[in-house]
Amino acid sequence: VADVLTPYGVFEIQTRHFYTQKRKLEAFLPEHRVCMVYPVRYRRTVNWIDPETGEIGKGRKSPKIDRGYGIFHELYGIREFIGDRNISFCLMYINSDEYKYLDGYGTNRKIRASRMDGVPTELVAEVNLCAPEDYLMFVPEELLGCEFNSQSFAKMARIDIGTAQKALIILRELGVVKQTGRVKSGIVYCINLKQQ
């Protein structure tokens, strides 16, 4: 069963665990265009709730910004489908209010506190990944025109090494980057597409 079926194709809304959609993709892709919609919590305002009184404190914007690199963990689980011309991905960058209980550890009770709810407040941007060149947005500008490895990619993109490695595997399969060699620190890559 599709989440949404329109004259333009199938839309599947998936916050995580893309790999659970493999059977759907096998059924839909031969006959339909499929767009997988992936919400990205771009910026969060964290609101703390006193579990005893129910009082909600003044919200505070988190300094962290999610730029959407998490999609590569999801794409890795369905990488056998990403080259199919009928599949595309839509990243919906959303600001949200997050509510947490002050029931954790530490003097402020915020360490490992329970999350109560997350409420979308604003659609910041919509990014469509339909063709390999669309994925160039994930390659840091500092790496354009030079060789790099997963460590330098992780550093410039400000992501962890595991995410960087999965991103480069997906980008290589899409033809966005290519392997140019191997050194002691790992595989060396360069951009394989013309920058737009």
N, C-alpha and C. Protein backbone atom coordinates (compact mmCIF):
# COMPACT_ATOMS: atom_id res chain seq x y z
N VAL A 1 0.85 -1.18 0.00
CA VAL A 1 0.00 0.00 0.00
C VAL A 1 0.89 1.23 0.00
N ALA A 2 0.64 2.14 -0.93
CA ALA A 2 1.42 3.38 -1.02
C ALA A 2 0.90 4.40 -0.01
N ASP A 3 1.80 5.25 0.50
CA ASP A 3 1.36 6.35 1.36
C ASP A 3 0.46 7.29 0.57
N VAL A 4 0.92 7.67 -0.62
CA VAL A 4 0.15 8.58 -1.49
C VAL A 4 0.34 8.12 -2.94
N LEU A 5 -0.77 8.02 -3.66
CA LEU A 5 -0.71 7.70 -5.09
C LEU A 5 -1.36 8.85 -5.85
N THR A 6 -0.63 9.46 -6.76
CA THR A 6 -1.14 10.58 -7.56
C THR A 6 -0.89 10.29 -9.03
N PRO A 7 -1.43 11.12 -9.92
CA PRO A 7 -1.11 10.95 -11.35
C PRO A 7 0.37 11.11 -11.65
N TYR A 8 1.12 11.73 -10.72
CA TYR A 8 2.55 11.96 -10.92
C TYR A 8 3.41 10.84 -10.34
N GLY A 9 2.78 9.89 -9.66
CA GLY A 9 3.53 8.78 -9.10
C GLY A 9 3.22 8.52 -7.64
N VAL A 10 4.06 7.67 -7.04
CA VAL A 10 3.90 7.26 -5.65
C VAL A 10 4.78 8.13 -4.76
N PHE A 11 4.24 8.53 -3.62
CA PHE A 11 5.01 9.27 -2.62
C PHE A 11 5.03 8.46 -1.33
N GLU A 12 6.22 8.19 -0.84
CA GLU A 12 6.39 7.47 0.41
C GLU A 12 7.07 8.41 1.41
N ILE A 13 6.45 8.64 2.55
CA ILE A 13 7.00 9.51 3.58
C ILE A 13 7.69 8.63 4.61
N GLN A 14 9.00 8.82 4.77
CA GLN A 14 9.78 7.90 5.60
C GLN A 14 10.79 8.70 6.41
N THR A 15 10.64 8.69 7.74
CA THR A 15 11.57 9.43 8.59
C THR A 15 12.88 8.67 8.81
N ARG A 16 12.84 7.34 8.68
CA ARG A 16 14.03 6.51 8.83
C ARG A 16 13.70 5.09 8.38
N HIS A 17 14.71 4.23 8.44
CA HIS A 17 14.57 2.83 8.08
C HIS A 17 14.06 2.63 6.65
N PHE A 18 14.74 3.27 5.69
CA PHE A 18 14.37 3.09 4.28
C PHE A 18 14.40 1.62 3.87
N TYR A 19 15.29 0.84 4.51
CA TYR A 19 15.44 -0.56 4.12
C TYR A 19 14.15 -1.35 4.28
N THR A 20 13.24 -0.87 5.14
CA THR A 20 11.97 -1.59 5.33
C THR A 20 11.04 -1.41 4.13
N GLN A 21 11.41 -0.53 3.21
CA GLN A 21 10.57 -0.25 2.03
C GLN A 21 11.00 -1.04 0.79
N LYS A 22 11.91 -1.97 0.95
CA LYS A 22 12.45 -2.69 -0.22
C LYS A 22 11.35 -3.42 -1.00
N ARG A 23 10.44 -4.09 -0.30
CA ARG A 23 9.38 -4.83 -1.01
C ARG A 23 8.47 -3.87 -1.78
N LYS A 24 8.19 -2.73 -1.18
CA LYS A 24 7.39 -1.72 -1.88
C LYS A 24 8.10 -1.24 -3.14
N LEU A 25 9.40 -0.94 -3.01
CA LEU A 25 10.15 -0.43 -4.15
C LEU A 25 10.22 -1.47 -5.27
N GLU A 26 10.40 -2.74 -4.90
CA GLU A 26 10.41 -3.80 -5.91
C GLU A 26 9.09 -3.86 -6.66
N ALA A 27 7.99 -3.60 -5.95
CA ALA A 27 6.66 -3.66 -6.58
C ALA A 27 6.35 -2.40 -7.37
N PHE A 28 6.71 -1.23 -6.85
CA PHE A 28 6.29 0.03 -7.47
C PHE A 28 7.17 0.49 -8.63
N LEU A 29 8.50 0.36 -8.48
CA LEU A 29 9.41 0.98 -9.43
C LEU A 29 9.26 0.52 -10.88
N PRO A 30 8.94 -0.75 -11.15
CA PRO A 30 8.78 -1.14 -12.56
C PRO A 30 7.62 -0.42 -13.27
N GLU A 31 6.65 0.08 -12.49
CA GLU A 31 5.45 0.67 -13.11
C GLU A 31 5.20 2.13 -12.74
N HIS A 32 5.86 2.64 -11.70
CA HIS A 32 5.56 3.99 -11.22
C HIS A 32 6.83 4.75 -10.89
N ARG A 33 6.73 6.07 -10.97
CA ARG A 33 7.76 6.93 -10.38
C ARG A 33 7.52 6.94 -8.88
N VAL A 34 8.59 6.84 -8.10
CA VAL A 34 8.47 6.83 -6.65
C VAL A 34 9.34 7.94 -6.08
N CYS A 35 8.72 8.80 -5.27
CA CYS A 35 9.46 9.85 -4.56
C CYS A 35 9.40 9.54 -3.07
N MET A 36 10.56 9.35 -2.46
CA MET A 36 10.62 9.10 -1.02
C MET A 36 10.89 10.43 -0.32
N VAL A 37 9.94 10.84 0.51
CA VAL A 37 10.02 12.11 1.22
C VAL A 37 10.68 11.89 2.57
N TYR A 38 11.75 12.65 2.83
CA TYR A 38 12.56 12.47 4.04
C TYR A 38 12.60 13.76 4.83
N PRO A 39 11.84 13.84 5.94
CA PRO A 39 11.87 15.05 6.77
C PRO A 39 13.21 15.20 7.50
N VAL A 40 13.76 16.40 7.47
CA VAL A 40 15.01 16.70 8.15
C VAL A 40 14.72 17.75 9.21
N ARG A 41 15.05 17.43 10.47
CA ARG A 41 14.84 18.41 11.55
C ARG A 41 15.97 19.44 11.48
N TYR A 42 15.75 20.49 10.71
CA TYR A 42 16.80 21.47 10.42
C TYR A 42 17.27 22.19 11.68
N ARG A 43 16.35 22.83 12.37
CA ARG A 43 16.71 23.51 13.61
C ARG A 43 15.62 23.27 14.64
N ARG A 44 16.03 22.96 15.86
CA ARG A 44 15.07 22.64 16.92
C ARG A 44 15.07 23.70 18.02
N THR A 45 13.90 23.97 18.54
CA THR A 45 13.78 24.77 19.75
C THR A 45 13.39 23.80 20.86
N VAL A 46 14.25 23.65 21.86
CA VAL A 46 14.04 22.67 22.92
C VAL A 46 13.29 23.32 24.09
N ASN A 47 12.19 22.70 24.48
CA ASN A 47 11.38 23.16 25.59
C ASN A 47 11.43 22.10 26.70
N TRP A 48 11.78 22.53 27.90
CA TRP A 48 11.92 21.59 29.02
C TRP A 48 10.67 21.61 29.89
N ILE A 49 10.20 20.41 30.24
CA ILE A 49 8.98 20.26 31.03
C ILE A 49 9.34 19.70 32.41
N ASP A 50 8.84 20.36 33.45
CA ASP A 50 9.01 19.83 34.80
C ASP A 50 8.03 18.68 34.97
N PRO A 51 8.51 17.44 35.16
CA PRO A 51 7.61 16.29 35.22
C PRO A 51 6.68 16.30 36.44
N GLU A 52 7.03 17.07 37.46
CA GLU A 52 6.20 17.11 38.67
C GLU A 52 5.06 18.13 38.56
N THR A 53 5.36 19.29 37.97
CA THR A 53 4.35 20.35 37.89
C THR A 53 3.72 20.47 36.51
N GLY A 54 4.41 19.93 35.48
CA GLY A 54 3.92 20.08 34.12
C GLY A 54 4.26 21.42 33.50
N GLU A 55 4.98 22.26 34.25
CA GLU A 55 5.33 23.59 33.76
C GLU A 55 6.36 23.48 32.63
N ILE A 56 6.12 24.26 31.58
CA ILE A 56 7.02 24.27 30.42
C ILE A 56 7.89 25.53 30.48
N GLY A 57 9.20 25.34 30.49
CA GLY A 57 10.12 26.47 30.53
C GLY A 57 10.21 27.17 29.18
N LYS A 58 10.88 28.30 29.17
CA LYS A 58 11.08 29.07 27.93
C LYS A 58 11.93 28.27 26.95
N GLY A 59 11.48 28.18 25.72
CA GLY A 59 12.20 27.41 24.71
C GLY A 59 13.56 28.01 24.37
N ARG A 60 14.52 27.12 24.05
CA ARG A 60 15.85 27.57 23.67
C ARG A 60 16.25 26.91 22.36
N LYS A 61 16.69 27.74 21.40
CA LYS A 61 17.10 27.19 20.11
C LYS A 61 18.38 26.40 20.25
N SER A 62 18.37 25.19 19.70
CA SER A 62 19.57 24.37 19.72
C SER A 62 20.59 24.95 18.73
N PRO A 63 21.87 24.99 19.11
CA PRO A 63 22.89 25.51 18.17
C PRO A 63 23.16 24.56 17.01
N LYS A 64 22.70 23.32 17.13
CA LYS A 64 22.96 22.34 16.08
C LYS A 64 21.99 22.50 14.92
N ILE A 65 22.51 22.40 13.71
CA ILE A 65 21.69 22.46 12.51
C ILE A 65 21.88 21.15 11.75
N ASP A 66 20.79 20.51 11.40
CA ASP A 66 20.84 19.26 10.62
C ASP A 66 20.80 19.61 9.14
N ARG A 67 21.89 19.30 8.43
CA ARG A 67 21.97 19.65 7.01
C ARG A 67 21.58 18.49 6.08
N GLY A 68 21.10 17.40 6.69
CA GLY A 68 20.52 16.33 5.88
C GLY A 68 21.42 15.19 5.51
N TYR A 69 22.65 15.15 6.05
CA TYR A 69 23.57 14.06 5.71
C TYR A 69 23.07 12.71 6.20
N GLY A 70 22.12 12.71 7.13
CA GLY A 70 21.57 11.45 7.61
C GLY A 70 20.91 10.62 6.54
N ILE A 71 20.54 11.26 5.43
CA ILE A 71 19.89 10.51 4.36
C ILE A 71 20.83 9.45 3.79
N PHE A 72 22.14 9.63 3.91
CA PHE A 72 23.06 8.65 3.36
C PHE A 72 23.02 7.33 4.13
N HIS A 73 22.73 7.39 5.42
CA HIS A 73 22.53 6.15 6.18
C HIS A 73 21.33 5.40 5.63
N GLU A 74 20.29 6.17 5.27
CA GLU A 74 19.07 5.56 4.74
C GLU A 74 19.28 5.03 3.32
N LEU A 75 19.96 5.81 2.49
CA LEU A 75 20.21 5.38 1.10
C LEU A 75 21.10 4.14 1.05
N TYR A 76 21.99 4.02 2.01
CA TYR A 76 22.87 2.85 2.06
C TYR A 76 22.06 1.56 2.17
N GLY A 77 20.94 1.63 2.89
CA GLY A 77 20.10 0.44 3.08
C GLY A 77 19.30 0.05 1.85
N ILE A 78 19.19 0.97 0.87
CA ILE A 78 18.44 0.66 -0.37
C ILE A 78 19.30 0.99 -1.59
N ARG A 79 20.63 0.85 -1.45
CA ARG A 79 21.52 1.31 -2.51
C ARG A 79 21.34 0.57 -3.83
N GLU A 80 20.72 -0.62 -3.79
CA GLU A 80 20.49 -1.34 -5.04
C GLU A 80 19.43 -0.67 -5.91
N PHE A 81 18.68 0.29 -5.31
CA PHE A 81 17.61 0.96 -6.06
C PHE A 81 17.97 2.37 -6.50
N ILE A 82 19.02 2.97 -5.94
CA ILE A 82 19.22 4.40 -6.16
C ILE A 82 19.58 4.76 -7.60
N GLY A 83 20.01 3.79 -8.38
CA GLY A 83 20.31 4.07 -9.78
C GLY A 83 19.09 3.96 -10.69
N ASP A 84 17.96 3.53 -10.14
CA ASP A 84 16.73 3.38 -10.93
C ASP A 84 16.21 4.75 -11.34
N ARG A 85 15.91 4.93 -12.61
CA ARG A 85 15.47 6.25 -13.09
C ARG A 85 14.10 6.64 -12.56
N ASN A 86 13.36 5.69 -12.00
CA ASN A 86 12.03 5.99 -11.49
C ASN A 86 12.02 6.42 -10.02
N ILE A 87 13.18 6.43 -9.37
CA ILE A 87 13.18 6.80 -7.95
C ILE A 87 13.83 8.17 -7.76
N SER A 88 13.26 8.94 -6.83
CA SER A 88 13.84 10.22 -6.45
C SER A 88 13.60 10.42 -4.96
N PHE A 89 14.24 11.43 -4.41
CA PHE A 89 14.14 11.69 -2.98
C PHE A 89 13.89 13.17 -2.76
N CYS A 90 13.07 13.47 -1.78
CA CYS A 90 12.74 14.86 -1.45
C CYS A 90 13.05 15.09 0.02
N LEU A 91 13.99 16.00 0.29
CA LEU A 91 14.34 16.35 1.66
C LEU A 91 13.52 17.58 2.07
N MET A 92 12.74 17.43 3.13
CA MET A 92 11.94 18.53 3.66
C MET A 92 12.60 19.03 4.93
N TYR A 93 13.25 20.20 4.84
CA TYR A 93 13.94 20.78 5.98
C TYR A 93 12.92 21.53 6.84
N ILE A 94 12.76 21.06 8.07
CA ILE A 94 11.69 21.55 8.94
C ILE A 94 12.25 22.02 10.28
N ASN A 95 11.83 23.22 10.69
CA ASN A 95 12.10 23.66 12.06
C ASN A 95 11.03 23.05 12.96
N SER A 96 11.41 22.75 14.21
CA SER A 96 10.44 22.11 15.09
C SER A 96 10.65 22.53 16.55
N ASP A 97 9.57 22.41 17.30
CA ASP A 97 9.63 22.56 18.76
C ASP A 97 9.73 21.16 19.34
N GLU A 98 10.74 20.94 20.17
CA GLU A 98 10.92 19.65 20.81
C GLU A 98 10.67 19.79 22.31
N TYR A 99 9.92 18.87 22.85
CA TYR A 99 9.58 18.91 24.27
C TYR A 99 10.25 17.73 24.99
N LYS A 100 10.97 18.06 26.07
CA LYS A 100 11.67 17.03 26.84
C LYS A 100 11.36 17.20 28.33
N TYR A 101 11.31 16.06 29.02
CA TYR A 101 11.10 16.08 30.46
C TYR A 101 12.43 16.27 31.19
N LEU A 102 12.40 17.05 32.26
CA LEU A 102 13.58 17.21 33.12
C LEU A 102 13.65 16.02 34.07
N ASP A 103 13.96 14.85 33.50
CA ASP A 103 14.00 13.62 34.29
C ASP A 103 15.29 12.86 34.09
N GLY A 104 16.31 13.57 33.62
CA GLY A 104 17.58 12.91 33.34
C GLY A 104 18.54 13.00 34.52
N TYR A 105 19.83 12.88 34.19
CA TYR A 105 20.88 12.91 35.20
C TYR A 105 21.55 14.27 35.23
N GLY A 106 22.43 14.46 36.19
CA GLY A 106 23.20 15.70 36.30
C GLY A 106 22.45 16.74 37.12
N THR A 107 23.16 17.84 37.40
CA THR A 107 22.57 18.89 38.23
C THR A 107 21.37 19.54 37.57
N ASN A 108 21.36 19.59 36.24
CA ASN A 108 20.21 20.21 35.55
C ASN A 108 19.19 19.18 35.05
N ARG A 109 19.44 17.90 35.32
CA ARG A 109 18.53 16.80 34.96
C ARG A 109 18.28 16.68 33.44
N LYS A 110 19.25 17.13 32.65
CA LYS A 110 19.07 17.12 31.19
C LYS A 110 19.83 15.99 30.48
N ILE A 111 20.75 15.34 31.17
CA ILE A 111 21.52 14.26 30.55
C ILE A 111 20.62 13.02 30.43
N ARG A 112 20.48 12.52 29.22
CA ARG A 112 19.63 11.37 28.91
C ARG A 112 18.18 11.60 29.34
N ALA A 113 17.71 12.82 29.18
CA ALA A 113 16.32 13.14 29.52
C ALA A 113 15.37 12.53 28.50
N SER A 114 14.14 12.27 28.91
CA SER A 114 13.13 11.66 28.04
C SER A 114 12.56 12.70 27.08
N ARG A 115 12.43 12.30 25.82
CA ARG A 115 11.79 13.16 24.82
C ARG A 115 10.30 12.89 24.82
N MET A 116 9.51 13.94 24.92
CA MET A 116 8.06 13.77 24.98
C MET A 116 7.43 13.89 23.59
N ASP A 117 7.81 14.94 22.84
CA ASP A 117 7.17 15.14 21.54
C ASP A 117 7.99 16.10 20.70
N GLY A 118 7.73 16.07 19.40
CA GLY A 118 8.32 17.02 18.47
C GLY A 118 7.24 17.55 17.56
N VAL A 119 7.14 18.88 17.45
CA VAL A 119 6.07 19.49 16.68
C VAL A 119 6.67 20.36 15.57
N PRO A 120 6.39 20.05 14.29
CA PRO A 120 6.89 20.90 13.20
C PRO A 120 6.30 22.30 13.30
N THR A 121 7.15 23.33 13.09
CA THR A 121 6.68 24.71 13.17
C THR A 121 6.86 25.48 11.87
N GLU A 122 7.79 25.04 11.03
CA GLU A 122 8.07 25.81 9.81
C GLU A 122 8.77 24.94 8.78
N LEU A 123 8.33 25.05 7.53
CA LEU A 123 9.03 24.41 6.42
C LEU A 123 10.08 25.38 5.91
N VAL A 124 11.34 25.03 6.08
CA VAL A 124 12.44 25.93 5.72
C VAL A 124 12.80 25.81 4.25
N ALA A 125 12.89 24.57 3.76
CA ALA A 125 13.30 24.34 2.37
C ALA A 125 12.88 22.95 1.92
N GLU A 126 12.75 22.82 0.62
CA GLU A 126 12.47 21.52 -0.01
C GLU A 126 13.54 21.28 -1.05
N VAL A 127 14.26 20.18 -0.92
CA VAL A 127 15.35 19.85 -1.85
C VAL A 127 15.05 18.53 -2.51
N ASN A 128 15.03 18.53 -3.84
CA ASN A 128 14.74 17.32 -4.60
C ASN A 128 16.03 16.72 -5.15
N LEU A 129 16.19 15.43 -4.93
CA LEU A 129 17.34 14.69 -5.46
C LEU A 129 16.82 13.76 -6.54
N CYS A 130 16.90 14.22 -7.77
CA CYS A 130 16.35 13.47 -8.90
C CYS A 130 17.45 12.92 -9.82
N ALA A 131 18.58 13.63 -9.89
CA ALA A 131 19.67 13.26 -10.79
C ALA A 131 20.98 13.31 -10.02
N PRO A 132 22.00 12.60 -10.48
CA PRO A 132 23.28 12.57 -9.76
C PRO A 132 23.83 13.96 -9.43
N GLU A 133 23.70 14.92 -10.35
CA GLU A 133 24.26 16.25 -10.09
C GLU A 133 23.59 16.96 -8.91
N ASP A 134 22.38 16.54 -8.57
CA ASP A 134 21.69 17.15 -7.43
C ASP A 134 22.42 16.86 -6.12
N TYR A 135 23.18 15.77 -6.08
CA TYR A 135 23.88 15.36 -4.86
C TYR A 135 25.16 16.15 -4.63
N LEU A 136 25.55 16.98 -5.58
CA LEU A 136 26.74 17.81 -5.39
C LEU A 136 26.59 18.76 -4.22
N MET A 137 25.34 19.03 -3.82
CA MET A 137 25.11 19.93 -2.69
C MET A 137 25.73 19.40 -1.39
N PHE A 138 25.97 18.09 -1.35
CA PHE A 138 26.54 17.48 -0.15
C PHE A 138 28.07 17.49 -0.14
N VAL A 139 28.68 17.88 -1.23
CA VAL A 139 30.14 17.92 -1.30
C VAL A 139 30.62 19.31 -0.89
N PRO A 140 31.38 19.42 0.20
CA PRO A 140 31.87 20.73 0.64
C PRO A 140 32.65 21.45 -0.45
N GLU A 141 32.46 22.75 -0.56
CA GLU A 141 33.12 23.54 -1.60
C GLU A 141 34.63 23.41 -1.56
N GLU A 142 35.18 23.24 -0.35
CA GLU A 142 36.64 23.15 -0.21
C GLU A 142 37.22 21.93 -0.92
N LEU A 143 36.36 20.94 -1.21
CA LEU A 143 36.86 19.70 -1.83
C LEU A 143 36.68 19.69 -3.35
N LEU A 144 35.98 20.68 -3.88
CA LEU A 144 35.78 20.74 -5.32
C LEU A 144 37.11 21.01 -6.03
N GLY A 145 37.43 20.18 -7.00
CA GLY A 145 38.65 20.39 -7.77
C GLY A 145 39.90 19.82 -7.14
N CYS A 146 39.75 19.03 -6.05
CA CYS A 146 40.94 18.41 -5.46
C CYS A 146 40.61 16.99 -5.01
N GLU A 147 41.65 16.24 -4.68
CA GLU A 147 41.46 14.88 -4.19
C GLU A 147 41.25 14.90 -2.68
N PHE A 148 40.50 13.91 -2.20
CA PHE A 148 40.20 13.86 -0.77
C PHE A 148 39.88 12.43 -0.37
N ASN A 149 39.91 12.17 0.93
CA ASN A 149 39.52 10.86 1.46
C ASN A 149 38.35 11.04 2.41
N SER A 150 37.90 9.97 3.03
CA SER A 150 36.73 10.04 3.89
C SER A 150 36.98 10.92 5.12
N GLN A 151 38.24 10.94 5.61
CA GLN A 151 38.55 11.77 6.77
C GLN A 151 38.41 13.25 6.45
N SER A 152 38.96 13.67 5.32
CA SER A 152 38.86 15.09 4.96
C SER A 152 37.43 15.46 4.59
N PHE A 153 36.69 14.52 3.99
CA PHE A 153 35.28 14.77 3.69
C PHE A 153 34.50 14.98 4.99
N ALA A 154 34.74 14.11 5.97
CA ALA A 154 34.05 14.22 7.26
C ALA A 154 34.37 15.55 7.94
N LYS A 155 35.63 15.94 7.90
CA LYS A 155 36.05 17.19 8.56
C LYS A 155 35.39 18.40 7.91
N MET A 156 35.42 18.47 6.57
CA MET A 156 34.87 19.62 5.87
C MET A 156 33.34 19.68 5.94
N ALA A 157 32.71 18.50 5.95
CA ALA A 157 31.25 18.45 6.02
C ALA A 157 30.74 18.53 7.45
N ARG A 158 31.66 18.41 8.41
CA ARG A 158 31.33 18.44 9.84
C ARG A 158 30.36 17.32 10.21
N ILE A 159 30.74 16.12 9.79
CA ILE A 159 29.95 14.92 10.10
C ILE A 159 30.91 13.86 10.63
N ASP A 160 30.35 12.79 11.19
CA ASP A 160 31.21 11.73 11.71
C ASP A 160 31.74 10.87 10.55
N ILE A 161 32.79 10.13 10.82
CA ILE A 161 33.47 9.36 9.78
C ILE A 161 32.57 8.28 9.17
N GLY A 162 31.72 7.67 9.99
CA GLY A 162 30.82 6.63 9.48
C GLY A 162 29.85 7.19 8.45
N THR A 163 29.30 8.37 8.72
CA THR A 163 28.39 9.02 7.78
C THR A 163 29.14 9.39 6.50
N ALA A 164 30.37 9.90 6.66
CA ALA A 164 31.18 10.28 5.50
C ALA A 164 31.46 9.08 4.61
N GLN A 165 31.80 7.94 5.21
CA GLN A 165 32.09 6.74 4.42
C GLN A 165 30.87 6.27 3.64
N LYS A 166 29.70 6.27 4.29
CA LYS A 166 28.48 5.85 3.60
C LYS A 166 28.11 6.85 2.50
N ALA A 167 28.31 8.14 2.79
CA ALA A 167 28.02 9.16 1.78
C ALA A 167 28.87 8.95 0.54
N LEU A 168 30.15 8.67 0.74
CA LEU A 168 31.06 8.50 -0.40
C LEU A 168 30.75 7.22 -1.18
N ILE A 169 30.29 6.17 -0.50
CA ILE A 169 29.88 4.95 -1.21
C ILE A 169 28.69 5.26 -2.12
N ILE A 170 27.71 5.98 -1.59
CA ILE A 170 26.52 6.34 -2.38
C ILE A 170 26.91 7.29 -3.51
N LEU A 171 27.72 8.30 -3.22
CA LEU A 171 28.13 9.25 -4.25
C LEU A 171 28.93 8.58 -5.35
N ARG A 172 29.71 7.57 -4.97
CA ARG A 172 30.48 6.83 -5.99
C ARG A 172 29.55 6.00 -6.87
N GLU A 173 28.55 5.35 -6.25
CA GLU A 173 27.61 4.54 -7.03
C GLU A 173 26.78 5.40 -7.98
N LEU A 174 26.54 6.65 -7.59
CA LEU A 174 25.79 7.57 -8.44
C LEU A 174 26.67 8.22 -9.51
N GLY A 175 27.98 8.05 -9.38
CA GLY A 175 28.89 8.66 -10.35
C GLY A 175 29.24 10.10 -10.03
N VAL A 176 28.89 10.55 -8.82
CA VAL A 176 29.19 11.93 -8.41
C VAL A 176 30.68 12.07 -8.10
N VAL A 177 31.24 11.05 -7.45
CA VAL A 177 32.68 11.02 -7.20
C VAL A 177 33.24 9.75 -7.82
N LYS A 178 34.55 9.74 -8.01
CA LYS A 178 35.20 8.53 -8.49
C LYS A 178 36.45 8.27 -7.68
N GLN A 179 36.83 7.02 -7.61
CA GLN A 179 38.03 6.63 -6.88
C GLN A 179 39.24 6.88 -7.76
N THR A 180 40.24 7.57 -7.21
CA THR A 180 41.44 7.86 -7.99
C THR A 180 42.65 7.09 -7.49
N GLY A 181 42.52 6.45 -6.34
CA GLY A 181 43.66 5.70 -5.82
C GLY A 181 43.39 5.24 -4.40
N ARG A 182 44.43 4.68 -3.82
CA ARG A 182 44.32 4.21 -2.44
C ARG A 182 45.65 4.49 -1.74
N VAL A 183 45.56 5.07 -0.56
CA VAL A 183 46.75 5.34 0.24
C VAL A 183 46.58 4.67 1.60
N LYS A 184 47.56 4.86 2.47
CA LYS A 184 47.51 4.22 3.78
C LYS A 184 46.27 4.61 4.56
N SER A 185 45.84 5.88 4.39
CA SER A 185 44.69 6.38 5.14
C SER A 185 43.35 5.99 4.52
N GLY A 186 43.38 5.33 3.35
CA GLY A 186 42.14 4.86 2.74
C GLY A 186 42.02 5.23 1.28
N ILE A 187 40.80 5.17 0.78
CA ILE A 187 40.52 5.44 -0.63
C ILE A 187 40.57 6.94 -0.90
N VAL A 188 41.11 7.30 -2.05
CA VAL A 188 41.18 8.70 -2.47
C VAL A 188 40.14 8.93 -3.57
N TYR A 189 39.41 10.05 -3.45
CA TYR A 189 38.33 10.37 -4.39
C TYR A 189 38.56 11.73 -5.02
N CYS A 190 37.83 11.97 -6.11
CA CYS A 190 37.70 13.31 -6.66
C CYS A 190 36.31 13.42 -7.27
N ILE A 191 35.87 14.65 -7.53
CA ILE A 191 34.56 14.87 -8.13
C ILE A 191 34.56 14.37 -9.56
N ASN A 192 33.51 13.65 -9.94
CA ASN A 192 33.42 13.06 -11.26
C ASN A 192 32.46 13.82 -12.18
N LEU A 193 31.70 14.75 -11.59
CA LEU A 193 30.72 15.52 -12.37
C LEU A 193 31.16 16.97 -12.48
N LYS A 194 30.70 17.65 -13.52
CA LYS A 194 30.98 19.08 -13.64
C LYS A 194 30.16 19.83 -12.61
N GLN A 195 30.81 20.78 -11.92
CA GLN A 195 30.08 21.59 -10.96
C GLN A 195 29.13 22.53 -11.68
N GLN A 196 27.92 22.65 -11.13
CA GLN A 196 26.91 23.49 -11.77
C GLN A 196 27.19 24.97 -11.49
